[in-house]
Amino acid sequence: MSIQFDFKKSNLIKGVTIITPSISLDERGNIWTSYLEGEMVELLPKGLNFKHDKFSFSKKNVLRGIHGDSKSWKLVTCIFGVIQQVVVDLRADSPTYLQWESFDIDSNNPKLILIPPRMGNAYYVHSKEAVYHYKLAYKGSYIDAVDQISIPWNNKKIGIQWKAKHPILSTRDNES
């Protein structure tokens, strides 16, 4: 099995990278690599390394986000299920401020999205269940939910075209 990645810069939002891994398929299923330091170390600023992984299990019709912070780089993917991944540019000094990009990610056709700091991250679950993976790089300590930026999922100024009309939201996402 050969481990290869196709790296593509977003045409819409500067700093976002779309990574498509090589997949080995057979009658048993598939196998693919989500991270290989030698291939991905150059995607981060010099001296910064991934140091924190998280998994999130969600049921159908759950929408998580729009969340972000000022220092975390996130490498995200769906390892089981089908999601609509959305990235929003929250950098007020950016020419693409408040623009968003959407990606359909599914565990049978994986993509990884590298999201730089000051971007909003969100996803919506299409399948019965989904498992989402975050790989995080940051300096210092982790910025947890209370110190993160939260934007309403249906913010009219941003205008994301979600594939959901009435998603299941957390209290945090319902109140932001």
Protein backbone atom coordinates (compact mmCIF):
# COMPACT_ATOMS: atom_id res chain seq x y z
CA MET A 1 0.00 0.00 0.00
CA SER A 2 1.37 3.37 -1.03
CA ILE A 3 0.74 6.36 1.22
CA GLN A 4 0.16 9.45 -0.87
CA PHE A 5 -1.69 12.72 -0.42
CA ASP A 6 -3.06 15.19 -2.93
CA PHE A 7 -2.72 18.72 -1.49
CA LYS A 8 -4.92 21.46 -2.94
CA LYS A 9 -5.19 25.06 -1.77
CA SER A 10 -8.70 26.45 -1.51
CA ASN A 11 -9.64 28.70 -4.42
CA LEU A 12 -12.01 30.58 -2.15
CA ILE A 13 -10.34 31.11 1.25
CA LYS A 14 -6.58 31.75 1.55
CA GLY A 15 -4.88 29.45 4.03
CA VAL A 16 -7.33 26.53 3.80
CA THR A 17 -5.86 23.31 2.38
CA ILE A 18 -7.86 20.32 1.10
CA ILE A 19 -6.02 17.03 1.48
CA THR A 20 -7.14 13.86 -0.28
CA PRO A 21 -5.41 10.69 0.93
CA SER A 22 -4.76 7.62 -1.17
CA ILE A 23 -7.20 4.82 -0.32
CA SER A 24 -6.62 1.10 -0.46
CA LEU A 25 -9.89 -0.74 -1.15
CA ASP A 26 -10.73 -4.42 -1.23
CA GLU A 27 -13.65 -6.72 -0.34
CA ARG A 28 -13.06 -6.06 3.39
CA GLY A 29 -13.42 -2.27 3.14
CA ASN A 30 -10.78 0.44 2.98
CA ILE A 31 -7.69 1.76 4.73
CA TRP A 32 -6.15 5.22 4.47
CA THR A 33 -3.67 7.40 6.33
CA SER A 34 -4.91 10.63 7.91
CA TYR A 35 -1.55 12.08 8.92
CA LEU A 36 2.07 11.53 8.03
CA GLU A 37 4.44 14.00 9.68
CA GLY A 38 7.01 14.04 6.87
CA GLU A 39 4.31 14.91 4.34
CA MET A 40 2.39 17.45 6.42
CA VAL A 41 4.90 19.23 8.67
CA GLU A 42 5.38 21.97 6.07
CA LEU A 43 1.66 22.85 6.13
CA LEU A 44 2.06 24.44 9.58
CA PRO A 45 4.09 27.52 10.52
CA LYS A 46 7.70 26.72 11.45
CA GLY A 47 8.06 25.40 15.01
CA LEU A 48 4.41 24.38 15.36
CA ASN A 49 3.40 20.72 15.67
CA PHE A 50 0.15 18.85 16.08
CA LYS A 51 -0.26 17.95 19.74
CA HIS A 52 -3.92 17.22 20.45
CA ASP A 53 -6.51 14.91 18.87
CA LYS A 54 -10.25 14.84 19.52
CA PHE A 55 -13.12 12.72 18.24
CA SER A 56 -16.78 13.70 18.16
CA PHE A 57 -19.63 11.22 17.69
CA SER A 58 -22.85 12.77 16.35
CA LYS A 59 -26.26 11.55 15.25
CA LYS A 60 -28.16 12.41 12.07
CA ASN A 61 -29.22 16.05 11.70
CA VAL A 62 -26.71 17.35 14.28
CA LEU A 63 -24.98 20.61 13.39
CA ARG A 64 -21.84 21.56 15.33
CA GLY A 65 -20.27 25.01 15.12
CA ILE A 66 -19.47 27.68 13.90
CA HIS A 67 -16.50 27.78 16.31
CA GLY A 68 -12.95 29.01 16.13
CA ASP A 69 -10.13 30.69 18.00
CA SER A 70 -7.11 32.89 17.42
CA LYS A 71 -4.32 30.30 17.60
CA SER A 72 -5.40 26.74 16.71
CA TRP A 73 -4.67 25.02 13.41
CA LYS A 74 -7.20 22.22 12.85
CA LEU A 75 -6.85 19.22 10.56
CA VAL A 76 -10.39 17.80 10.38
CA THR A 77 -12.15 14.89 8.70
CA CYS A 78 -15.05 12.50 9.01
CA ILE A 79 -13.81 8.97 9.74
CA PHE A 80 -17.27 7.38 9.80
CA GLY A 81 -20.47 8.63 8.17
CA VAL A 82 -21.28 11.55 5.88
CA ILE A 83 -21.00 15.25 6.74
CA GLN A 84 -21.17 18.73 5.25
CA GLN A 85 -17.97 20.45 6.43
CA VAL A 86 -17.99 24.26 6.43
CA VAL A 87 -15.12 26.72 6.94
CA VAL A 88 -15.84 30.44 7.48
CA ASP A 89 -13.20 33.17 7.19
CA LEU A 90 -13.47 35.18 10.43
CA ARG A 91 -10.34 37.29 9.81
CA ALA A 92 -11.61 40.88 9.71
CA ASP A 93 -8.48 41.93 7.77
CA SER A 94 -8.99 39.30 5.05
CA PRO A 95 -10.38 40.03 1.57
CA THR A 96 -12.59 36.94 2.02
CA TYR A 97 -13.92 37.99 5.47
CA LEU A 98 -17.21 36.17 6.25
CA GLN A 99 -17.00 34.06 3.09
CA TRP A 100 -17.47 30.34 3.55
CA GLU A 101 -16.64 27.12 1.79
CA SER A 102 -18.44 23.80 2.04
CA PHE A 103 -17.06 20.28 1.53
CA ASP A 104 -18.92 16.97 1.41
CA ILE A 105 -16.85 14.45 3.34
CA ASP A 106 -17.68 10.80 3.71
CA SER A 107 -15.76 7.95 5.22
CA ASN A 108 -15.75 6.08 1.88
CA ASN A 109 -14.35 9.12 0.04
CA PRO A 110 -12.22 10.85 2.69
CA LYS A 111 -10.86 14.37 2.61
CA LEU A 112 -9.00 16.24 5.31
CA ILE A 113 -9.35 20.00 5.64
CA LEU A 114 -6.58 22.08 7.23
CA ILE A 115 -8.12 25.15 8.85
CA PRO A 116 -5.85 27.98 10.05
CA PRO A 117 -6.50 30.14 13.13
CA ARG A 118 -9.23 32.80 13.01
CA MET A 119 -11.47 30.60 10.88
CA GLY A 120 -14.83 29.20 11.86
CA ASN A 121 -15.27 25.44 11.76
CA ALA A 122 -18.65 23.71 11.54
CA TYR A 123 -20.23 20.52 10.23
CA TYR A 124 -23.64 18.97 9.68
CA VAL A 125 -24.30 15.19 9.84
CA HIS A 126 -26.20 13.61 6.91
CA SER A 127 -25.80 9.95 7.81
CA LYS A 128 -27.44 8.05 10.66
CA GLU A 129 -24.24 8.60 12.69
CA ALA A 130 -20.84 10.16 12.12
CA VAL A 131 -17.45 10.28 13.82
CA TYR A 132 -15.49 13.49 13.29
CA HIS A 133 -11.77 13.81 13.96
CA TYR A 134 -9.87 16.98 14.91
CA LYS A 135 -6.06 17.13 14.98
CA LEU A 136 -4.95 20.38 16.63
CA ALA A 137 -1.73 22.40 16.61
CA TYR A 138 -1.27 25.48 18.81
CA LYS A 139 1.27 27.25 21.02
CA GLY A 140 0.71 27.28 24.75
CA SER A 141 -2.39 25.72 26.24
CA TYR A 142 -5.58 24.70 24.46
CA ILE A 143 -8.34 27.29 24.07
CA ASP A 144 -11.47 25.48 25.23
CA ALA A 145 -15.10 26.30 24.44
CA VAL A 146 -15.49 29.21 26.87
CA ASP A 147 -12.69 31.16 25.17
CA GLN A 148 -13.56 30.28 21.58
CA ILE A 149 -15.47 32.37 19.05
CA SER A 150 -19.02 31.13 18.42
CA ILE A 151 -21.09 32.39 15.50
CA PRO A 152 -24.75 31.45 14.94
CA TRP A 153 -25.03 28.61 12.40
CA ASN A 154 -27.73 30.56 10.53
CA ASN A 155 -26.06 34.01 10.60
CA LYS A 156 -27.70 35.88 7.72
CA LYS A 157 -24.60 38.01 7.03
CA ILE A 158 -22.60 34.82 6.33
CA GLY A 159 -25.47 33.01 4.58
CA ILE A 160 -24.25 29.42 4.66
CA GLN A 161 -26.35 27.12 2.50
CA TRP A 162 -26.75 24.30 4.98
CA LYS A 163 -28.27 21.01 3.90
CA ALA A 164 -30.50 21.28 6.98
CA LYS A 165 -33.48 23.43 7.86
CA HIS A 166 -33.96 22.48 11.53
CA PRO A 167 -30.76 20.86 12.82
CA ILE A 168 -30.15 19.51 16.30
CA LEU A 169 -27.98 22.06 18.13
CA SER A 170 -26.12 22.23 21.44
CA THR A 171 -27.14 24.87 23.95
CA ARG A 172 -23.97 26.78 23.01
CA ASP A 173 -24.83 26.73 19.29
CA ASN A 174 -28.47 27.57 19.92
CA GLU A 175 -27.54 30.64 22.00
CA SER A 176 -24.62 32.02 19.94
